[in-house]
PDB file of N, CA and C in Angstrom:
ATOM      1  N   UNK A   1      40.534 144.733 107.713  1.00  0.00           N
ATOM      2  CA  UNK A   1      40.429 143.307 107.450  1.00  0.00           C
ATOM      3  C   UNK A   1      39.940 143.097 106.018  1.00  0.00           C
ATOM      4  N   UNK A   2      40.568 142.174 105.338  1.00  0.00           N
ATOM      5  CA  UNK A   2      40.191 141.875 103.956  1.00  0.00           C
ATOM      6  C   UNK A   2      38.830 141.174 103.914  1.00  0.00           C
ATOM      7  N   UNK A   3      38.144 141.361 102.832  1.00  0.00           N
ATOM      8  CA  UNK A   3      36.825 140.779 102.630  1.00  0.00           C
ATOM      9  C   UNK A   3      36.977 139.321 102.214  1.00  0.00           C
ATOM     10  N   UNK A   4      36.604 138.407 103.114  1.00  0.00           N
ATOM     11  CA  UNK A   4      36.694 136.976 102.796  1.00  0.00           C
ATOM     12  C   UNK A   4      35.585 136.614 101.809  1.00  0.00           C
ATOM     13  N   UNK A   5      35.724 135.486 101.166  1.00  0.00           N
ATOM     14  CA  UNK A   5      34.721 135.043 100.198  1.00  0.00           C
ATOM     15  C   UNK A   5      33.378 134.792 100.887  1.00  0.00           C
ATOM     16  N   UNK A   6      33.408 134.187 102.068  1.00  0.00           N
ATOM     17  CA  UNK A   6      32.174 133.918 102.813  1.00  0.00           C
ATOM     18  C   UNK A   6      31.477 135.227 103.202  1.00  0.00           C
ATOM     19  N   UNK A   7      32.263 136.187 103.685  1.00  0.00           N
ATOM     20  CA  UNK A   7      31.701 137.482 104.087  1.00  0.00           C
ATOM     21  C   UNK A   7      31.196 138.235 102.868  1.00  0.00           C
ATOM     22  N   UNK A   8      31.911 138.128 101.745  1.00  0.00           N
ATOM     23  CA  UNK A   8      31.487 138.774 100.497  1.00  0.00           C
ATOM     24  C   UNK A   8      30.140 138.240 100.041  1.00  0.00           C
ATOM     25  N   UNK A   9      29.960 136.922 100.098  1.00  0.00           N
ATOM     26  CA  UNK A   9      28.691 136.311  99.692  1.00  0.00           C
ATOM     27  C   UNK A   9      27.548 136.777 100.579  1.00  0.00           C
ATOM     28  N   UNK A  10      27.800 136.854 101.891  1.00  0.00           N
ATOM     29  CA  UNK A  10      26.763 137.321 102.814  1.00  0.00           C
ATOM     30  C   UNK A  10      26.425 138.784 102.544  1.00  0.00           C
ATOM     31  N   UNK A  11      27.434 139.580 102.259  1.00  0.00           N
ATOM     32  CA  UNK A  11      27.226 140.992 101.978  1.00  0.00           C
ATOM     33  C   UNK A  11      26.450 141.181 100.675  1.00  0.00           C
ATOM     34  N   UNK A  12      26.796 140.430  99.645  1.00  0.00           N
ATOM     35  CA  UNK A  12      26.067 140.511  98.378  1.00  0.00           C
ATOM     36  C   UNK A  12      24.615 140.087  98.554  1.00  0.00           C
ATOM     37  N   UNK A  13      24.378 139.064  99.380  1.00  0.00           N
ATOM     38  CA  UNK A  13      23.003 138.626  99.640  1.00  0.00           C
ATOM     39  C   UNK A  13      22.228 139.732 100.356  1.00  0.00           C
ATOM     40  N   UNK A  14      22.835 140.355 101.341  1.00  0.00           N
ATOM     41  CA  UNK A  14      22.185 141.446 102.070  1.00  0.00           C
ATOM     42  C   UNK A  14      21.814 142.583 101.121  1.00  0.00           C
ATOM     43  N   UNK A  15      22.708 142.901 100.205  1.00  0.00           N
ATOM     44  CA  UNK A  15      22.483 143.988  99.254  1.00  0.00           C
ATOM     45  C   UNK A  15      21.654 143.557  98.049  1.00  0.00           C
ATOM     46  N   UNK A  16      21.244 142.300  98.028  1.00  0.00           N
ATOM     47  CA  UNK A  16      20.488 141.718  96.908  1.00  0.00           C
ATOM     48  C   UNK A  16      21.245 141.866  95.592  1.00  0.00           C
ATOM     49  N   UNK A  17      22.545 141.552  95.669  1.00  0.00           N
ATOM     50  CA  UNK A  17      23.420 141.641  94.504  1.00  0.00           C
ATOM     51  C   UNK A  17      24.023 140.288  94.130  1.00  0.00           C
ATOM     52  N   UNK A  18      23.536 139.212  94.731  1.00  0.00           N
ATOM     53  CA  UNK A  18      24.118 137.890  94.468  1.00  0.00           C
ATOM     54  C   UNK A  18      24.094 137.542  92.991  1.00  0.00           C
ATOM     55  N   UNK A  19      23.014 137.908  92.304  1.00  0.00           N
ATOM     56  CA  UNK A  19      22.923 137.591  90.876  1.00  0.00           C
ATOM     57  C   UNK A  19      23.805 138.502  90.027  1.00  0.00           C
ATOM     58  N   UNK A  20      24.380 139.528  90.637  1.00  0.00           N
ATOM     59  CA  UNK A  20      25.264 140.451  89.915  1.00  0.00           C
ATOM     60  C   UNK A  20      26.711 140.318  90.375  1.00  0.00           C
ATOM     61  N   UNK A  21      27.051 139.234  91.058  1.00  0.00           N
ATOM     62  CA  UNK A  21      28.379 139.061  91.660  1.00  0.00           C
ATOM     63  C   UNK A  21      29.512 139.207  90.651  1.00  0.00           C
ATOM     64  N   UNK A  22      29.280 138.868  89.414  1.00  0.00           N
ATOM     65  CA  UNK A  22      30.331 138.942  88.395  1.00  0.00           C
ATOM     66  C   UNK A  22      30.365 140.283  87.676  1.00  0.00           C
ATOM     67  N   UNK A  23      29.433 141.166  87.973  1.00  0.00           N
ATOM     68  CA  UNK A  23      29.401 142.490  87.363  1.00  0.00           C
ATOM     69  C   UNK A  23      30.666 143.255  87.763  1.00  0.00           C
ATOM     70  N   UNK A  24      31.369 143.851  86.809  1.00  0.00           N
ATOM     71  CA  UNK A  24      32.616 144.567  87.124  1.00  0.00           C
ATOM     72  C   UNK A  24      32.421 145.697  88.146  1.00  0.00           C
ATOM     73  N   UNK A  25      31.294 146.378  88.094  1.00  0.00           N
ATOM     74  CA  UNK A  25      31.038 147.458  89.048  1.00  0.00           C
ATOM     75  C   UNK A  25      30.887 146.904  90.469  1.00  0.00           C
ATOM     76  N   UNK A  26      30.188 145.798  90.600  1.00  0.00           N
ATOM     77  CA  UNK A  26      30.024 145.148  91.908  1.00  0.00           C
ATOM     78  C   UNK A  26      31.379 144.664  92.407  1.00  0.00           C
ATOM     79  N   UNK A  27      32.139 144.026  91.533  1.00  0.00           N
ATOM     80  CA  UNK A  27      33.452 143.504  91.926  1.00  0.00           C
ATOM     81  C   UNK A  27      34.406 144.628  92.343  1.00  0.00           C
ATOM     82  N   UNK A  28      34.273 145.779  91.720  1.00  0.00           N
ATOM     83  CA  UNK A  28      35.168 146.892  92.040  1.00  0.00           C
ATOM     84  C   UNK A  28      34.737 147.652  93.290  1.00  0.00           C
ATOM     85  N   UNK A  29      33.434 147.889  93.451  1.00  0.00           N
ATOM     86  CA  UNK A  29      32.979 148.776  94.511  1.00  0.00           C
ATOM     87  C   UNK A  29      32.682 148.104  95.844  1.00  0.00           C
ATOM     88  N   UNK A  30      32.117 146.919  95.842  1.00  0.00           N
ATOM     89  CA  UNK A  30      31.720 146.294  97.109  1.00  0.00           C
ATOM     90  C   UNK A  30      32.904 146.100  98.049  1.00  0.00           C
ATOM     91  N   UNK A  31      34.055 145.601  97.595  1.00  0.00           N
ATOM     92  CA  UNK A  31      35.200 145.493  98.522  1.00  0.00           C
ATOM     93  C   UNK A  31      35.660 146.847  99.058  1.00  0.00           C
ATOM     94  N   UNK A  32      35.600 147.876  98.239  1.00  0.00           N
ATOM     95  CA  UNK A  32      35.995 149.217  98.681  1.00  0.00           C
ATOM     96  C   UNK A  32      35.020 149.732  99.734  1.00  0.00           C
ATOM     97  N   UNK A  33      33.735 149.560  99.477  1.00  0.00           N
ATOM     98  CA  UNK A  33      32.719 149.989 100.448  1.00  0.00           C
ATOM     99  C   UNK A  33      32.872 149.217 101.758  1.00  0.00           C
ATOM    100  N   UNK A  34      33.163 147.932 101.663  1.00  0.00           N
ATOM    101  CA  UNK A  34      33.346 147.116 102.861  1.00  0.00           C
ATOM    102  C   UNK A  34      34.519 147.642 103.688  1.00  0.00           C
ATOM    103  N   UNK A  35      35.656 147.865 103.045  1.00  0.00           N
ATOM    104  CA  UNK A  35      36.835 148.363 103.754  1.00  0.00           C
ATOM    105  C   UNK A  35      36.549 149.741 104.370  1.00  0.00           C
ATOM    106  N   UNK A  36      35.821 150.586 103.645  1.00  0.00           N
ATOM    107  CA  UNK A  36      35.478 151.912 104.168  1.00  0.00           C
ATOM    108  C   UNK A  36      34.563 151.789 105.384  1.00  0.00           C
ATOM    109  N   UNK A  37      33.610 150.875 105.345  1.00  0.00           N
ATOM    110  CA  UNK A  37      32.689 150.685 106.463  1.00  0.00           C
ATOM    111  C   UNK A  37      33.423 150.147 107.687  1.00  0.00           C
ATOM    112  N   UNK A  38      34.311 149.193 107.493  1.00  0.00           N
ATOM    113  CA  UNK A  38      35.111 148.650 108.602  1.00  0.00           C
ATOM    114  C   UNK A  38      35.982 149.755 109.191  1.00  0.00           C
ATOM    115  N   UNK A  39      36.572 150.569 108.339  1.00  0.00           N
ATOM    116  CA  UNK A  39      37.370 151.690 108.811  1.00  0.00           C
ATOM    117  C   UNK A  39      36.543 152.712 109.569  1.00  0.00           C
ATOM    118  N   UNK A  40      35.346 152.971 109.086  1.00  0.00           N
ATOM    119  CA  UNK A  40      34.443 153.895 109.778  1.00  0.00           C
ATOM    120  C   UNK A  40      34.127 153.378 111.173  1.00  0.00           C
ATOM    121  N   UNK A  41      33.805 152.092 111.263  1.00  0.00           N
ATOM    122  CA  UNK A  41      33.473 151.500 112.559  1.00  0.00           C
ATOM    123  C   UNK A  41      34.662 151.621 113.511  1.00  0.00           C
ATOM    124  N   UNK A  42      35.843 151.340 113.014  1.00  0.00           N
ATOM    125  CA  UNK A  42      37.043 151.411 113.850  1.00  0.00           C
ATOM    126  C   UNK A  42      37.265 152.834 114.361  1.00  0.00           C
ATOM    127  N   UNK A  43      37.131 153.806 113.471  1.00  0.00           N
ATOM    128  CA  UNK A  43      37.333 155.189 113.882  1.00  0.00           C
ATOM    129  C   UNK A  43      36.202 155.699 114.763  1.00  0.00           C
ATOM    130  N   UNK A  44      35.045 155.038 114.700  1.00  0.00           N
ATOM    131  CA  UNK A  44      33.927 155.393 115.580  1.00  0.00           C
ATOM    132  C   UNK A  44      34.091 154.765 116.958  1.00  0.00           C
ATOM    133  N   UNK A  45      35.148 153.973 117.124  1.00  0.00           N
ATOM    134  CA  UNK A  45      35.410 153.361 118.422  1.00  0.00           C
ATOM    135  C   UNK A  45      34.868 151.956 118.569  1.00  0.00           C
ATOM    136  N   UNK A  46      34.512 151.327 117.461  1.00  0.00           N
ATOM    137  CA  UNK A  46      33.972 149.975 117.502  1.00  0.00           C
ATOM    138  C   UNK A  46      34.946 149.033 116.798  1.00  0.00           C
ATOM    139  N   UNK A  47      35.634 148.223 117.579  1.00  0.00           N
ATOM    140  CA  UNK A  47      36.571 147.252 117.005  1.00  0.00           C
ATOM    141  C   UNK A  47      35.795 146.076 116.427  1.00  0.00           C
ATOM    142  N   UNK A  48      36.380 145.448 115.428  1.00  0.00           N
ATOM    143  CA  UNK A  48      35.736 144.285 114.829  1.00  0.00           C
ATOM    144  C   UNK A  48      35.733 143.155 115.859  1.00  0.00           C
ATOM    145  N   UNK A  49      34.546 142.663 116.230  1.00  0.00           N
ATOM    146  CA  UNK A  49      34.487 141.607 117.244  1.00  0.00           C
ATOM    147  C   UNK A  49      34.947 140.261 116.686  1.00  0.00           C
ATOM    148  N   UNK A  50      35.320 139.388 117.592  1.00  0.00           N
ATOM    149  CA  UNK A  50      35.718 138.057 117.134  1.00  0.00           C
ATOM    150  C   UNK A  50      34.488 137.325 116.607  1.00  0.00           C
ATOM    151  N   UNK A  51      34.707 136.508 115.607  1.00  0.00           N
ATOM    152  CA  UNK A  51      33.626 135.773 114.973  1.00  0.00           C
ATOM    153  C   UNK A  51      32.923 134.887 115.994  1.00  0.00           C
ATOM    154  N   UNK A  52      31.621 134.881 115.953  1.00  0.00           N
ATOM    155  CA  UNK A  52      30.835 134.057 116.867  1.00  0.00           C
ATOM    156  C   UNK A  52      30.485 134.745 118.171  1.00  0.00           C
ATOM    157  N   UNK A  53      31.036 135.946 118.398  1.00  0.00           N
ATOM    158  CA  UNK A  53      30.697 136.663 119.627  1.00  0.00           C
ATOM    159  C   UNK A  53      29.281 137.226 119.508  1.00  0.00           C
ATOM    160  N   UNK A  54      28.729 137.628 120.631  1.00  0.00           N
ATOM    161  CA  UNK A  54      27.370 138.162 120.620  1.00  0.00           C
ATOM    162  C   UNK A  54      27.290 139.496 119.886  1.00  0.00           C
ATOM    163  N   UNK A  55      28.404 140.173 119.735  1.00  0.00           N
ATOM    164  CA  UNK A  55      28.424 141.467 119.068  1.00  0.00           C
ATOM    165  C   UNK A  55      28.641 141.348 117.559  1.00  0.00           C
ATOM    166  N   UNK A  56      29.092 140.194 117.090  1.00  0.00           N
ATOM    167  CA  UNK A  56      29.478 140.041 115.687  1.00  0.00           C
ATOM    168  C   UNK A  56      28.314 140.286 114.719  1.00  0.00           C
ATOM    169  N   UNK A  57      27.142 139.770 115.029  1.00  0.00           N
ATOM    170  CA  UNK A  57      26.003 139.940 114.123  1.00  0.00           C
ATOM    171  C   UNK A  57      25.603 141.405 114.012  1.00  0.00           C
ATOM    172  N   UNK A  58      25.589 142.126 115.134  1.00  0.00           N
ATOM    173  CA  UNK A  58      25.240 143.547 115.101  1.00  0.00           C
ATOM    174  C   UNK A  58      26.289 144.348 114.336  1.00  0.00           C
ATOM    175  N   UNK A  59      27.549 143.998 114.539  1.00  0.00           N
ATOM    176  CA  UNK A  59      28.635 144.661 113.813  1.00  0.00           C
ATOM    177  C   UNK A  59      28.458 144.444 112.310  1.00  0.00           C
ATOM    178  N   UNK A  60      28.222 143.192 111.918  1.00  0.00           N
ATOM    179  CA  UNK A  60      28.042 142.878 110.495  1.00  0.00           C
ATOM    180  C   UNK A  60      26.841 143.616 109.909  1.00  0.00           C
ATOM    181  N   UNK A  61      25.746 143.716 110.677  1.00  0.00           N
ATOM    182  CA  UNK A  61      24.576 144.439 110.182  1.00  0.00           C
ATOM    183  C   UNK A  61      24.881 145.919 109.959  1.00  0.00           C
ATOM    184  N   UNK A  62      25.634 146.516 110.856  1.00  0.00           N
ATOM    185  CA  UNK A  62      26.014 147.929 110.674  1.00  0.00           C
ATOM    186  C   UNK A  62      26.875 148.095 109.428  1.00  0.00           C
ATOM    187  N   UNK A  63      27.852 147.232 109.259  1.00  0.00           N
ATOM    188  CA  UNK A  63      28.709 147.286 108.065  1.00  0.00           C
ATOM    189  C   UNK A  63      27.863 147.070 106.814  1.00  0.00           C
ATOM    190  N   UNK A  64      26.990 146.075 106.835  1.00  0.00           N
ATOM    191  CA  UNK A  64      26.119 145.805 105.682  1.00  0.00           C
ATOM    192  C   UNK A  64      25.264 147.016 105.341  1.00  0.00           C
ATOM    193  N   UNK A  65      24.688 147.656 106.365  1.00  0.00           N
ATOM    194  CA  UNK A  65      23.823 148.813 106.137  1.00  0.00           C
ATOM    195  C   UNK A  65      24.595 149.955 105.485  1.00  0.00           C
ATOM    196  N   UNK A  66      25.822 150.185 105.932  1.00  0.00           N
ATOM    197  CA  UNK A  66      26.633 151.240 105.320  1.00  0.00           C
ATOM    198  C   UNK A  66      26.950 150.906 103.865  1.00  0.00           C
ATOM    199  N   UNK A  67      27.360 149.666 103.612  1.00  0.00           N
ATOM    200  CA  UNK A  67      27.696 149.261 102.242  1.00  0.00           C
ATOM    201  C   UNK A  67      26.484 149.410 101.334  1.00  0.00           C
ATOM    202  N   UNK A  68      25.315 148.953 101.785  1.00  0.00           N
ATOM    203  CA  UNK A  68      24.108 149.059 100.969  1.00  0.00           C
ATOM    204  C   UNK A  68      23.746 150.515 100.706  1.00  0.00           C
ATOM    205  N   UNK A  69      23.857 151.356 101.727  1.00  0.00           N
ATOM    206  CA  UNK A  69      23.537 152.771 101.550  1.00  0.00           C
ATOM    207  C   UNK A  69      24.471 153.403 100.525  1.00  0.00           C
ATOM    208  N   UNK A  70      25.763 153.112 100.632  1.00  0.00           N
ATOM    209  CA  UNK A  70      26.714 153.666  99.666  1.00  0.00           C
ATOM    210  C   UNK A  70      26.449 153.123  98.267  1.00  0.00           C
ATOM    211  N   UNK A  71      26.090 151.846  98.152  1.00  0.00           N
ATOM    212  CA  UNK A  71      25.780 151.260  96.852  1.00  0.00           C
ATOM    213  C   UNK A  71      24.552 151.942  96.245  1.00  0.00           C
ATOM    214  N   UNK A  72      23.503 152.071  97.060  1.00  0.00           N
ATOM    215  CA  UNK A  72      22.261 152.662  96.559  1.00  0.00           C
ATOM    216  C   UNK A  72      22.412 154.129  96.176  1.00  0.00           C
ATOM    217  N   UNK A  73      23.339 154.830  96.806  1.00  0.00           N
ATOM    218  CA  UNK A  73      23.472 156.260  96.565  1.00  0.00           C
ATOM    219  C   UNK A  73      24.742 156.634  95.802  1.00  0.00           C
ATOM    220  N   UNK A  74      25.380 155.666  95.174  1.00  0.00           N
ATOM    221  CA  UNK A  74      26.600 155.968  94.442  1.00  0.00           C
ATOM    222  C   UNK A  74      26.276 156.890  93.269  1.00  0.00           C
ATOM    223  N   UNK A  75      27.066 157.907  93.145  1.00  0.00           N
ATOM    224  CA  UNK A  75      26.923 158.814  92.015  1.00  0.00           C
ATOM    225  C   UNK A  75      25.719 159.736  92.067  1.00  0.00           C
ATOM    226  N   UNK A  76      24.983 159.742  93.159  1.00  0.00           N
ATOM    227  CA  UNK A  76      23.819 160.626  93.210  1.00  0.00           C
ATOM    228  C   UNK A  76      24.139 161.862  94.029  1.00  0.00           C
ATOM    229  N   UNK A  77      23.464 162.915  93.686  1.00  0.00           N
ATOM    230  CA  UNK A  77      23.565 164.160  94.441  1.00  0.00           C
ATOM    231  C   UNK A  77      22.177 164.416  94.997  1.00  0.00           C
ATOM    232  N   UNK A  78      22.098 164.410  96.304  1.00  0.00           N
ATOM    233  CA  UNK A  78      20.803 164.599  96.938  1.00  0.00           C
ATOM    234  C   UNK A  78      20.717 166.008  97.495  1.00  0.00           C
ATOM    235  N   UNK A  79      19.586 166.634  97.250  1.00  0.00           N
ATOM    236  CA  UNK A  79      19.380 167.966  97.806  1.00  0.00           C
ATOM    237  C   UNK A  79      18.502 167.842  99.042  1.00  0.00           C
ATOM    238  N   UNK A  80      18.621 168.793  99.902  1.00  0.00           N
ATOM    239  CA  UNK A  80      17.822 168.767 101.116  1.00  0.00           C
ATOM    240  C   UNK A  80      18.466 167.900 102.177  1.00  0.00           C
ATOM    241  N   UNK A  81      17.749 167.739 103.241  1.00  0.00           N
ATOM    242  CA  UNK A  81      18.267 166.977 104.373  1.00  0.00           C
ATOM    243  C   UNK A  81      18.009 165.489 104.156  1.00  0.00           C
ATOM    244  N   UNK A  82      19.054 164.703 104.335  1.00  0.00           N
ATOM    245  CA  UNK A  82      18.952 163.256 104.211  1.00  0.00           C
ATOM    246  C   UNK A  82      18.935 162.679 105.612  1.00  0.00           C
ATOM    247  N   UNK A  83      17.930 161.892 105.921  1.00  0.00           N
ATOM    248  CA  UNK A  83      17.858 161.328 107.271  1.00  0.00           C
ATOM    249  C   UNK A  83      18.513 159.955 107.303  1.00  0.00           C
ATOM    250  N   UNK A  84      19.142 159.699 108.398  1.00  0.00           N
ATOM    251  CA  UNK A  84      19.835 158.435 108.608  1.00  0.00           C
ATOM    252  C   UNK A  84      18.850 157.393 109.133  1.00  0.00           C
ATOM    253  N   UNK A  85      19.119 156.154 108.837  1.00  0.00           N
ATOM    254  CA  UNK A  85      18.299 155.057 109.330  1.00  0.00           C
ATOM    255  C   UNK A  85      18.402 155.011 110.859  1.00  0.00           C
ATOM    256  N   UNK A  86      17.293 155.225 111.589  1.00  0.00           N
ATOM    257  CA  UNK A  86      17.368 155.249 113.046  1.00  0.00           C
ATOM    258  C   UNK A  86      17.752 153.897 113.657  1.00  0.00           C
ATOM    259  N   UNK A  87      17.374 152.802 113.030  1.00  0.00           N
ATOM    260  CA  UNK A  87      17.751 151.482 113.551  1.00  0.00           C
ATOM    261  C   UNK A  87      19.265 151.298 113.466  1.00  0.00           C
ATOM    262  N   UNK A  88      19.851 151.752 112.368  1.00  0.00           N
ATOM    263  CA  UNK A  88      21.306 151.681 112.218  1.00  0.00           C
ATOM    264  C   UNK A  88      21.981 152.514 113.306  1.00  0.00           C
ATOM    265  N   UNK A  89      21.510 153.740 113.518  1.00  0.00           N
ATOM    266  CA  UNK A  89      22.137 154.625 114.505  1.00  0.00           C
ATOM    267  C   UNK A  89      22.031 154.035 115.909  1.00  0.00           C
ATOM    268  N   UNK A  90      20.882 153.467 116.261  1.00  0.00           N
ATOM    269  CA  UNK A  90      20.729 152.852 117.590  1.00  0.00           C
ATOM    270  C   UNK A  90      21.693 151.685 117.755  1.00  0.00           C
ATOM    271  N   UNK A  91      21.825 150.863 116.713  1.00  0.00           N
ATOM    272  CA  UNK A  91      22.709 149.706 116.797  1.00  0.00           C
ATOM    273  C   UNK A  91      24.170 150.144 116.900  1.00  0.00           C
ATOM    274  N   UNK A  92      24.563 151.136 116.125  1.00  0.00           N
ATOM    275  CA  UNK A  92      25.928 151.639 116.185  1.00  0.00           C
ATOM    276  C   UNK A  92      26.212 152.232 117.563  1.00  0.00           C
ATOM    277  N   UNK A  93      25.294 153.016 118.075  1.00  0.00           N
ATOM    278  CA  UNK A  93      25.486 153.599 119.407  1.00  0.00           C
ATOM    279  C   UNK A  93      25.610 152.513 120.466  1.00  0.00           C
ATOM    280  N   UNK A  94      24.787 151.482 120.368  1.00  0.00           N
ATOM    281  CA  UNK A  94      24.847 150.394 121.345  1.00  0.00           C
ATOM    282  C   UNK A  94      26.183 149.671 121.265  1.00  0.00           C
ATOM    283  N   UNK A  95      26.682 149.459 120.069  1.00  0.00           N
ATOM    284  CA  UNK A  95      27.991 148.824 119.916  1.00  0.00           C
ATOM    285  C   UNK A  95      29.091 149.693 120.512  1.00  0.00           C
ATOM    286  N   UNK A  96      29.006 150.991 120.289  1.00  0.00           N
ATOM    287  CA  UNK A  96      30.011 151.893 120.837  1.00  0.00           C
ATOM    288  C   UNK A  96      29.983 151.877 122.358  1.00  0.00           C
ATOM    289  N   UNK A  97      28.784 151.889 122.937  1.00  0.00           N
ATOM    290  CA  UNK A  97      28.657 151.923 124.389  1.00  0.00           C
ATOM    291  C   UNK A  97      29.025 150.598 125.048  1.00  0.00           C
ATOM    292  N   UNK A  98      28.950 149.515 124.293  1.00  0.00           N
ATOM    293  CA  UNK A  98      29.259 148.201 124.867  1.00  0.00           C
ATOM    294  C   UNK A  98      30.633 147.687 124.460  1.00  0.00           C
ATOM    295  N   UNK A  99      31.451 148.557 123.863  1.00  0.00           N
ATOM    296  CA  UNK A  99      32.800 148.165 123.442  1.00  0.00           C
ATOM    297  C   UNK A  99      33.591 147.696 124.662  1.00  0.00           C
ATOM    298  N   UNK A 100      34.178 146.507 124.591  1.00  0.00           N
ATOM    299  CA  UNK A 100      34.973 146.021 125.723  1.00  0.00           C
ATOM    300  C   UNK A 100      36.132 146.965 126.033  1.00  0.00           C
ATOM    301  N   UNK A 101      36.428 147.115 127.299  1.00  0.00           N
ATOM    302  CA  UNK A 101      37.512 147.980 127.746  1.00  0.00           C
ATOM    303  C   UNK A 101      38.654 147.104 128.228  1.00  0.00           C
ATOM    304  N   UNK A 102      39.847 147.400 127.722  1.00  0.00           N
ATOM    305  CA  UNK A 102      41.002 146.631 128.166  1.00  0.00           C
ATOM    306  C   UNK A 102      41.445 147.124 129.533  1.00  0.00           C
ATOM    307  N   UNK A 103      42.206 146.321 130.243  1.00  0.00           N
ATOM    308  CA  UNK A 103      42.741 146.731 131.543  1.00  0.00           C
ATOM    309  C   UNK A 103      43.630 147.956 131.403  1.00  0.00           C
ATOM    310  N   UNK A 104      44.243 148.130 130.251  1.00  0.00           N
ATOM    311  CA  UNK A 104      45.085 149.300 130.025  1.00  0.00           C
ATOM    312  C   UNK A 104      44.262 150.584 130.061  1.00  0.00           C
ATOM    313  N   UNK A 105      43.002 150.495 129.626  1.00  0.00           N
ATOM    314  CA  UNK A 105      42.148 151.660 129.602  1.00  0.00           C
ATOM    315  C   UNK A 105      41.525 151.990 130.947  1.00  0.00           C
ATOM    316  N   UNK A 106      41.623 151.097 131.908  1.00  0.00           N
ATOM    317  CA  UNK A 106      40.965 151.304 133.199  1.00  0.00           C
ATOM    318  C   UNK A 106      41.866 151.892 134.248  1.00  0.00           C
ATOM    319  N   UNK A 107      43.144 151.954 133.969  1.00  0.00           N
ATOM    320  CA  UNK A 107      44.084 152.440 134.956  1.00  0.00           C
ATOM    321  C   UNK A 107      44.522 151.373 135.928  1.00  0.00           C
ATOM    322  N   UNK A 108      44.000 150.168 135.759  1.00  0.00           N
ATOM    323  CA  UNK A 108      44.409 149.053 136.617  1.00  0.00           C
ATOM    324  C   UNK A 108      45.751 148.535 136.173  1.00  0.00           C
ATOM    325  N   UNK A 109      46.488 148.026 137.086  1.00  0.00           N
ATOM    326  CA  UNK A 109      47.767 147.398 136.737  1.00  0.00           C
ATOM    327  C   UNK A 109      47.526 145.919 136.529  1.00  0.00           C
ATOM    328  N   UNK A 110      48.313 145.343 135.640  1.00  0.00           N
ATOM    329  CA  UNK A 110      48.183 143.903 135.475  1.00  0.00           C
ATOM    330  C   UNK A 110      48.025 143.565 134.117  1.00  0.00           C
TER     331      UNK A 110
END
């Protein structure tokens, strides 16, 4: 899904980049990070929820957290073990476990 202007503004605010919105690096990287995060969520088994659903805010927070992490660590090489944000992991796991199942996935006819 393409990054809408409203979603871009919310993402920049989350990353505390609103005052840098016109910076060429921000303009180039934030949409790429957003698309990568959405793709990661999809491949992790979490479909993008419909806007206004109870899952939408948690989904957006997970995407925001990934984008911010990639922004903060762009171009760095870290040695040693890097620990993941446990709140992010719990939220992602909960989204994966609560993913709606279609009737096609249940073996039911109809």
